[in-house]
N, C-alpha and C. Protein backbone atom coordinates (compact mmCIF):
# COMPACT_ATOMS: atom_id res chain seq x y z
N MET A 1 83.43 104.99 97.02
CA MET A 1 83.17 103.56 97.14
C MET A 1 83.63 102.84 95.87
N LYS A 2 84.34 101.77 96.06
CA LYS A 2 84.82 100.98 94.93
C LYS A 2 83.66 100.23 94.30
N LYS A 3 83.64 100.17 92.98
CA LYS A 3 82.59 99.44 92.27
C LYS A 3 82.73 97.94 92.52
N PRO A 4 81.61 97.20 92.45
CA PRO A 4 81.68 95.75 92.64
C PRO A 4 82.43 95.09 91.49
N TYR A 5 82.92 93.91 91.75
CA TYR A 5 83.63 93.14 90.72
C TYR A 5 82.63 92.57 89.72
N PHE A 6 83.02 92.56 88.47
CA PHE A 6 82.20 92.02 87.41
C PHE A 6 82.35 90.51 87.38
N PRO A 7 81.24 89.75 87.37
CA PRO A 7 81.36 88.28 87.31
C PRO A 7 81.79 87.86 85.91
N LEU A 8 82.91 87.22 85.82
CA LEU A 8 83.48 86.84 84.53
C LEU A 8 83.81 85.35 84.57
N PHE A 9 83.24 84.59 83.66
CA PHE A 9 83.53 83.16 83.60
C PHE A 9 84.64 82.96 82.58
N VAL A 10 85.72 82.34 83.01
CA VAL A 10 86.93 82.22 82.20
C VAL A 10 87.33 80.75 82.10
N ASP A 11 87.76 80.34 80.91
CA ASP A 11 88.28 78.99 80.71
C ASP A 11 89.69 78.94 81.28
N ILE A 12 89.86 78.23 82.39
CA ILE A 12 91.19 78.10 82.99
C ILE A 12 91.78 76.71 82.78
N SER A 13 91.15 75.93 81.91
CA SER A 13 91.58 74.54 81.74
C SER A 13 93.04 74.42 81.29
N GLU A 14 93.54 75.41 80.58
CA GLU A 14 94.93 75.38 80.10
C GLU A 14 95.81 76.37 80.85
N LYS A 15 95.29 76.99 81.89
CA LYS A 15 96.03 78.00 82.64
C LYS A 15 96.79 77.36 83.79
N LYS A 16 97.94 77.92 84.09
CA LYS A 16 98.74 77.44 85.22
C LYS A 16 98.31 78.19 86.47
N MET A 17 97.75 77.45 87.41
CA MET A 17 97.29 78.01 88.68
C MET A 17 98.35 77.69 89.74
N VAL A 18 98.85 78.70 90.42
CA VAL A 18 99.86 78.50 91.45
C VAL A 18 99.28 78.94 92.79
N VAL A 19 99.34 78.03 93.75
CA VAL A 19 98.81 78.28 95.09
C VAL A 19 99.97 78.25 96.06
N PHE A 20 100.20 79.37 96.73
CA PHE A 20 101.22 79.42 97.78
C PHE A 20 100.53 79.21 99.11
N GLY A 21 100.95 78.17 99.82
CA GLY A 21 100.33 77.81 101.09
C GLY A 21 99.71 76.42 100.96
N GLY A 22 99.67 75.72 102.08
CA GLY A 22 99.17 74.35 102.04
C GLY A 22 98.20 74.02 103.16
N GLY A 23 97.57 75.05 103.74
CA GLY A 23 96.64 74.84 104.84
C GLY A 23 95.21 74.63 104.38
N LYS A 24 94.27 74.89 105.30
CA LYS A 24 92.86 74.64 105.04
C LYS A 24 92.32 75.49 103.89
N ILE A 25 92.65 76.78 103.88
CA ILE A 25 92.15 77.66 102.82
C ILE A 25 92.71 77.22 101.47
N ALA A 26 94.00 76.98 101.41
CA ALA A 26 94.61 76.53 100.16
C ALA A 26 93.98 75.22 99.69
N THR A 27 93.72 74.33 100.61
CA THR A 27 93.12 73.03 100.25
C THR A 27 91.72 73.22 99.67
N ARG A 28 90.92 74.07 100.29
CA ARG A 28 89.58 74.35 99.74
C ARG A 28 89.68 74.93 98.34
N ARG A 29 90.61 75.85 98.13
CA ARG A 29 90.78 76.47 96.81
C ARG A 29 91.20 75.42 95.77
N VAL A 30 92.13 74.57 96.14
CA VAL A 30 92.59 73.52 95.23
C VAL A 30 91.45 72.58 94.88
N ASP A 31 90.69 72.17 95.87
CA ASP A 31 89.56 71.27 95.61
C ASP A 31 88.57 71.90 94.62
N THR A 32 88.31 73.19 94.76
CA THR A 32 87.41 73.87 93.83
C THR A 32 88.03 73.94 92.44
N LEU A 33 89.29 74.31 92.37
CA LEU A 33 89.96 74.45 91.07
C LEU A 33 90.03 73.14 90.30
N LEU A 34 90.11 72.03 91.00
CA LEU A 34 90.22 70.73 90.33
C LEU A 34 89.06 70.45 89.39
N GLY A 35 87.92 71.07 89.62
CA GLY A 35 86.79 70.89 88.73
C GLY A 35 86.91 71.66 87.43
N PHE A 36 87.96 72.50 87.33
CA PHE A 36 88.10 73.38 86.18
C PHE A 36 89.45 73.29 85.47
N THR A 37 90.46 72.76 86.14
CA THR A 37 91.79 72.64 85.54
C THR A 37 92.58 71.53 86.23
N GLU A 38 93.54 71.01 85.50
CA GLU A 38 94.44 70.00 86.07
C GLU A 38 95.84 70.56 86.24
N ASN A 39 96.01 71.84 85.93
CA ASN A 39 97.33 72.46 85.98
C ASN A 39 97.46 73.30 87.24
N ILE A 40 97.56 72.62 88.38
CA ILE A 40 97.63 73.29 89.68
C ILE A 40 98.93 72.92 90.37
N THR A 41 99.65 73.95 90.79
CA THR A 41 100.88 73.75 91.53
C THR A 41 100.73 74.38 92.91
N VAL A 42 100.96 73.60 93.94
CA VAL A 42 100.94 74.08 95.31
C VAL A 42 102.38 74.18 95.77
N ILE A 43 102.72 75.35 96.33
CA ILE A 43 104.07 75.57 96.82
C ILE A 43 103.98 75.89 98.31
N ALA A 44 104.52 75.00 99.12
CA ALA A 44 104.46 75.17 100.58
C ALA A 44 105.40 74.16 101.24
N PRO A 45 106.00 74.54 102.36
CA PRO A 45 106.86 73.59 103.08
C PRO A 45 106.05 72.52 103.80
N GLN A 46 104.80 72.84 104.18
CA GLN A 46 103.92 71.88 104.84
C GLN A 46 102.54 72.00 104.21
N VAL A 47 101.87 70.87 104.04
CA VAL A 47 100.54 70.86 103.45
C VAL A 47 99.63 69.91 104.20
N THR A 48 98.34 70.03 103.94
CA THR A 48 97.36 69.14 104.54
C THR A 48 97.51 67.74 103.95
N ASP A 49 96.93 66.77 104.63
CA ASP A 49 96.93 65.40 104.11
C ASP A 49 96.24 65.33 102.75
N ARG A 50 95.21 66.15 102.56
CA ARG A 50 94.49 66.16 101.28
C ARG A 50 95.41 66.59 100.14
N ILE A 51 96.20 67.62 100.34
CA ILE A 51 97.12 68.07 99.28
C ILE A 51 98.18 67.01 99.04
N LYS A 52 98.67 66.38 100.10
CA LYS A 52 99.64 65.29 99.92
C LYS A 52 99.04 64.17 99.06
N LYS A 53 97.79 63.83 99.35
CA LYS A 53 97.11 62.77 98.60
C LYS A 53 96.95 63.16 97.13
N LEU A 54 96.48 64.38 96.87
CA LEU A 54 96.31 64.84 95.49
C LEU A 54 97.63 64.84 94.73
N SER A 55 98.70 65.21 95.43
CA SER A 55 100.02 65.21 94.81
C SER A 55 100.48 63.78 94.50
N LYS A 56 100.29 62.91 95.47
CA LYS A 56 100.69 61.51 95.28
C LYS A 56 99.93 60.87 94.12
N GLU A 57 98.64 61.26 93.96
CA GLU A 57 97.81 60.73 92.87
C GLU A 57 98.04 61.47 91.55
N LYS A 58 98.99 62.42 91.54
CA LYS A 58 99.35 63.20 90.34
C LYS A 58 98.21 64.08 89.84
N GLN A 59 97.28 64.46 90.72
CA GLN A 59 96.22 65.39 90.33
C GLN A 59 96.68 66.84 90.39
N ILE A 60 97.67 67.08 91.23
CA ILE A 60 98.30 68.39 91.34
C ILE A 60 99.80 68.18 91.50
N GLN A 61 100.54 69.28 91.38
CA GLN A 61 101.97 69.22 91.66
C GLN A 61 102.20 69.94 92.98
N TRP A 62 102.95 69.33 93.89
CA TRP A 62 103.32 69.98 95.14
C TRP A 62 104.82 70.19 95.14
N ILE A 63 105.23 71.44 95.31
CA ILE A 63 106.64 71.78 95.44
C ILE A 63 106.89 72.14 96.90
N LEU A 64 107.71 71.35 97.54
CA LEU A 64 108.03 71.55 98.95
C LEU A 64 109.05 72.68 99.04
N ASP A 65 108.56 73.91 99.20
CA ASP A 65 109.44 75.07 99.19
C ASP A 65 108.72 76.24 99.84
N VAL A 66 109.44 77.30 100.11
CA VAL A 66 108.86 78.55 100.58
C VAL A 66 108.80 79.52 99.41
N TYR A 67 108.08 80.61 99.57
CA TYR A 67 107.90 81.56 98.48
C TYR A 67 109.22 82.16 98.02
N ASP A 68 109.38 82.22 96.71
CA ASP A 68 110.47 82.92 96.05
C ASP A 68 109.89 83.46 94.75
N VAL A 69 110.20 84.68 94.40
CA VAL A 69 109.64 85.31 93.21
C VAL A 69 109.87 84.46 91.96
N LYS A 70 110.96 83.70 91.92
CA LYS A 70 111.24 82.84 90.75
C LYS A 70 110.15 81.79 90.53
N LEU A 71 109.42 81.44 91.59
CA LEU A 71 108.38 80.43 91.49
C LEU A 71 107.12 80.94 90.78
N LEU A 72 107.07 82.23 90.49
CA LEU A 72 105.95 82.81 89.74
C LEU A 72 106.06 82.55 88.23
N LYS A 73 107.24 82.14 87.80
CA LYS A 73 107.48 81.97 86.36
C LYS A 73 106.44 81.03 85.73
N GLY A 74 105.78 81.53 84.71
CA GLY A 74 104.81 80.73 83.97
C GLY A 74 103.42 80.71 84.56
N ALA A 75 103.23 81.33 85.74
CA ALA A 75 101.92 81.33 86.38
C ALA A 75 100.95 82.23 85.62
N ASP A 76 99.72 81.76 85.46
CA ASP A 76 98.67 82.58 84.86
C ASP A 76 97.80 83.23 85.93
N PHE A 77 97.57 82.53 87.04
CA PHE A 77 96.82 83.03 88.18
C PHE A 77 97.54 82.55 89.44
N VAL A 78 97.52 83.38 90.48
CA VAL A 78 98.18 83.02 91.73
C VAL A 78 97.22 83.23 92.89
N LEU A 79 97.27 82.28 93.82
CA LEU A 79 96.53 82.38 95.08
C LEU A 79 97.55 82.43 96.21
N ALA A 80 97.53 83.50 96.98
CA ALA A 80 98.41 83.64 98.13
C ALA A 80 97.63 83.23 99.37
N ALA A 81 97.88 82.04 99.87
CA ALA A 81 97.12 81.50 101.00
C ALA A 81 98.06 80.94 102.06
N THR A 82 99.17 81.63 102.28
CA THR A 82 100.07 81.20 103.34
C THR A 82 99.52 81.68 104.67
N ASP A 83 100.11 81.24 105.75
CA ASP A 83 99.67 81.71 107.07
C ASP A 83 100.47 82.94 107.52
N ASP A 84 101.21 83.54 106.58
CA ASP A 84 102.07 84.69 106.87
C ASP A 84 101.59 85.90 106.06
N PRO A 85 100.93 86.87 106.70
CA PRO A 85 100.43 88.04 105.98
C PRO A 85 101.53 88.82 105.25
N VAL A 86 102.71 88.88 105.81
CA VAL A 86 103.82 89.60 105.17
C VAL A 86 104.21 88.89 103.87
N CYS A 87 104.27 87.58 103.91
CA CYS A 87 104.58 86.80 102.72
C CYS A 87 103.47 86.96 101.68
N ASN A 88 102.21 86.89 102.10
CA ASN A 88 101.09 87.07 101.17
C ASN A 88 101.16 88.43 100.50
N THR A 89 101.48 89.48 101.26
CA THR A 89 101.58 90.83 100.71
C THR A 89 102.71 90.91 99.69
N ARG A 90 103.80 90.25 99.97
CA ARG A 90 104.94 90.22 99.02
C ARG A 90 104.54 89.50 97.73
N ILE A 91 103.84 88.38 97.86
CA ILE A 91 103.37 87.64 96.69
C ILE A 91 102.48 88.54 95.83
N VAL A 92 101.55 89.26 96.47
CA VAL A 92 100.66 90.17 95.75
C VAL A 92 101.47 91.22 94.99
N ALA A 93 102.41 91.86 95.67
CA ALA A 93 103.21 92.91 95.04
C ALA A 93 104.01 92.36 93.86
N ASP A 94 104.61 91.19 94.04
CA ASP A 94 105.40 90.59 92.95
C ASP A 94 104.52 90.22 91.77
N CYS A 95 103.32 89.72 92.03
CA CYS A 95 102.39 89.37 90.94
C CYS A 95 101.95 90.62 90.19
N LYS A 96 101.60 91.66 90.93
CA LYS A 96 101.14 92.89 90.30
C LYS A 96 102.24 93.51 89.44
N ALA A 97 103.49 93.35 89.86
CA ALA A 97 104.62 93.91 89.11
C ALA A 97 104.78 93.27 87.73
N VAL A 98 104.31 92.03 87.60
CA VAL A 98 104.44 91.32 86.31
C VAL A 98 103.08 90.97 85.72
N ASN A 99 102.03 91.65 86.21
CA ASN A 99 100.67 91.50 85.67
C ASN A 99 100.10 90.09 85.74
N ILE A 100 100.34 89.40 86.84
CA ILE A 100 99.70 88.10 87.07
C ILE A 100 98.53 88.35 88.02
N PRO A 101 97.31 88.01 87.62
CA PRO A 101 96.17 88.18 88.53
C PRO A 101 96.38 87.36 89.81
N VAL A 102 96.10 88.00 90.94
CA VAL A 102 96.38 87.37 92.23
C VAL A 102 95.21 87.55 93.19
N ASN A 103 95.01 86.53 94.01
CA ASN A 103 94.04 86.55 95.08
C ASN A 103 94.79 86.25 96.36
N THR A 104 94.50 87.00 97.41
CA THR A 104 95.14 86.71 98.69
C THR A 104 94.09 86.45 99.75
N ALA A 105 94.38 85.53 100.62
CA ALA A 105 93.42 85.12 101.64
C ALA A 105 93.35 86.11 102.80
N HIS A 106 94.32 87.02 102.91
CA HIS A 106 94.38 87.83 104.13
C HIS A 106 93.85 89.27 104.00
N ARG A 107 93.79 89.82 102.79
CA ARG A 107 93.30 91.21 102.64
C ARG A 107 92.57 91.35 101.32
N LYS A 108 91.26 91.39 101.39
CA LYS A 108 90.42 91.40 100.19
C LYS A 108 90.72 92.57 99.27
N GLU A 109 91.10 93.71 99.82
CA GLU A 109 91.36 94.88 98.99
C GLU A 109 92.60 94.74 98.11
N LEU A 110 93.41 93.75 98.35
CA LEU A 110 94.59 93.51 97.52
C LEU A 110 94.31 92.55 96.36
N CYS A 111 93.14 91.93 96.36
CA CYS A 111 92.82 90.91 95.36
C CYS A 111 92.49 91.51 93.99
N ASP A 112 92.99 90.88 92.95
CA ASP A 112 92.59 91.21 91.58
C ASP A 112 91.29 90.48 91.23
N PHE A 113 91.02 89.38 91.91
CA PHE A 113 89.80 88.62 91.70
C PHE A 113 89.44 87.96 93.02
N TYR A 114 88.16 87.65 93.16
CA TYR A 114 87.70 86.95 94.35
C TYR A 114 87.41 85.51 93.99
N PHE A 115 87.51 84.65 94.97
CA PHE A 115 87.22 83.25 94.81
C PHE A 115 85.76 83.06 95.20
N PRO A 116 84.89 82.74 94.24
CA PRO A 116 83.46 82.68 94.54
C PRO A 116 83.04 81.37 95.20
N GLY A 117 81.87 81.43 95.82
CA GLY A 117 81.19 80.19 96.19
C GLY A 117 80.65 79.61 94.89
N ILE A 118 80.73 78.32 94.71
CA ILE A 118 80.37 77.73 93.42
C ILE A 118 79.39 76.58 93.58
N ILE A 119 78.44 76.54 92.66
CA ILE A 119 77.59 75.36 92.47
C ILE A 119 77.92 74.86 91.07
N ARG A 120 78.18 73.57 90.96
CA ARG A 120 78.48 73.00 89.65
C ARG A 120 77.69 71.72 89.46
N ARG A 121 76.88 71.69 88.43
CA ARG A 121 76.10 70.51 88.05
C ARG A 121 76.28 70.34 86.55
N GLU A 122 77.04 69.32 86.17
CA GLU A 122 77.35 69.06 84.76
C GLU A 122 77.93 70.33 84.14
N ASN A 123 77.30 70.88 83.10
CA ASN A 123 77.84 72.08 82.45
C ASN A 123 77.34 73.38 83.06
N LEU A 124 76.49 73.30 84.06
CA LEU A 124 75.99 74.49 84.73
C LEU A 124 76.97 74.88 85.84
N VAL A 125 77.39 76.15 85.81
CA VAL A 125 78.25 76.68 86.86
C VAL A 125 77.63 77.99 87.33
N ILE A 126 77.41 78.08 88.63
CA ILE A 126 76.87 79.29 89.23
C ILE A 126 77.89 79.76 90.28
N GLY A 127 78.25 81.03 90.19
CA GLY A 127 79.19 81.60 91.15
C GLY A 127 78.52 82.64 92.03
N PHE A 128 78.93 82.69 93.30
CA PHE A 128 78.38 83.63 94.27
C PHE A 128 79.51 84.41 94.91
N CYS A 129 79.35 85.73 94.97
CA CYS A 129 80.42 86.56 95.52
C CYS A 129 79.82 87.80 96.18
N SER A 130 80.38 88.19 97.30
CA SER A 130 79.95 89.42 97.98
C SER A 130 81.05 90.46 97.97
N GLY A 131 82.01 90.29 97.06
CA GLY A 131 83.11 91.25 97.04
C GLY A 131 83.97 91.18 98.28
N GLY A 132 84.01 90.01 98.88
CA GLY A 132 84.81 89.83 100.09
C GLY A 132 84.17 90.40 101.34
N GLN A 133 82.91 90.83 101.26
CA GLN A 133 82.26 91.50 102.37
C GLN A 133 81.58 90.57 103.37
N ASN A 134 80.96 89.49 102.89
CA ASN A 134 80.16 88.67 103.80
C ASN A 134 80.16 87.21 103.35
N HIS A 135 81.19 86.49 103.72
CA HIS A 135 81.34 85.09 103.32
C HIS A 135 80.20 84.22 103.85
N LYS A 136 79.75 84.52 105.06
CA LYS A 136 78.68 83.73 105.67
C LYS A 136 77.39 83.83 104.86
N LYS A 137 77.03 85.04 104.46
CA LYS A 137 75.81 85.23 103.67
C LYS A 137 75.94 84.54 102.31
N VAL A 138 77.10 84.64 101.68
CA VAL A 138 77.31 83.96 100.40
C VAL A 138 77.11 82.46 100.56
N ARG A 139 77.67 81.89 101.63
CA ARG A 139 77.51 80.45 101.87
C ARG A 139 76.04 80.09 102.07
N GLU A 140 75.33 80.89 102.84
CA GLU A 140 73.90 80.64 103.08
C GLU A 140 73.11 80.68 101.78
N ILE A 141 73.35 81.68 100.95
CA ILE A 141 72.63 81.81 99.68
C ILE A 141 73.00 80.67 98.74
N ARG A 142 74.29 80.31 98.71
CA ARG A 142 74.72 79.20 97.86
C ARG A 142 74.03 77.91 98.29
N GLU A 143 73.95 77.67 99.59
CA GLU A 143 73.30 76.46 100.08
C GLU A 143 71.82 76.42 99.71
N LYS A 144 71.13 77.56 99.80
CA LYS A 144 69.73 77.62 99.39
C LYS A 144 69.59 77.39 97.89
N ALA A 145 70.48 77.99 97.12
CA ALA A 145 70.44 77.82 95.66
C ALA A 145 70.73 76.37 95.26
N GLU A 146 71.60 75.68 96.01
CA GLU A 146 71.87 74.27 95.73
C GLU A 146 70.60 73.44 95.82
N GLN A 147 69.75 73.75 96.77
CA GLN A 147 68.50 73.02 96.90
C GLN A 147 67.61 73.23 95.67
N ILE A 148 67.58 74.44 95.16
CA ILE A 148 66.79 74.74 93.95
C ILE A 148 67.37 74.02 92.75
N VAL A 149 68.67 74.06 92.60
CA VAL A 149 69.34 73.44 91.45
C VAL A 149 69.16 71.92 91.46
N LYS A 150 69.12 71.32 92.65
CA LYS A 150 68.92 69.86 92.75
C LYS A 150 67.60 69.43 92.17
N GLU A 151 66.61 70.33 92.17
CA GLU A 151 65.28 70.01 91.66
C GLU A 151 65.23 69.92 90.15
N TYR A 152 66.25 70.42 89.47
CA TYR A 152 66.24 70.44 88.00
C TYR A 152 67.16 69.44 87.40
């Protein structure tokens, strides 16, 4: 059995976050990341209205393109959230080859890190993770914890 992931809080404010894909999952990830960094690049031929809006408002950069290994240049962290599992697997392999931590939406066992459920109130940040095992339970626990945090 693989050991659980260690919860590590990292300053990503100056890190380049690259998100491949522009659908619902990518949008949720971008929305979460915006609370921690302004250096987010989304690379996808099509994106949600939300990503278009964020790009238009200069909160993120959107590159209208498909995956190419050259687009990894300068990335500190990568999220593979395309709707193509083959493409996501290629992104993971290319990132691992150059030691860029990567998360993929399609196969948890390929992830170098997991994207946690987050509660953020001012300087308090609480992360919830089940190691990719039970997203529903993590959401339920996060929602209960939000009620407790609101009281303080």
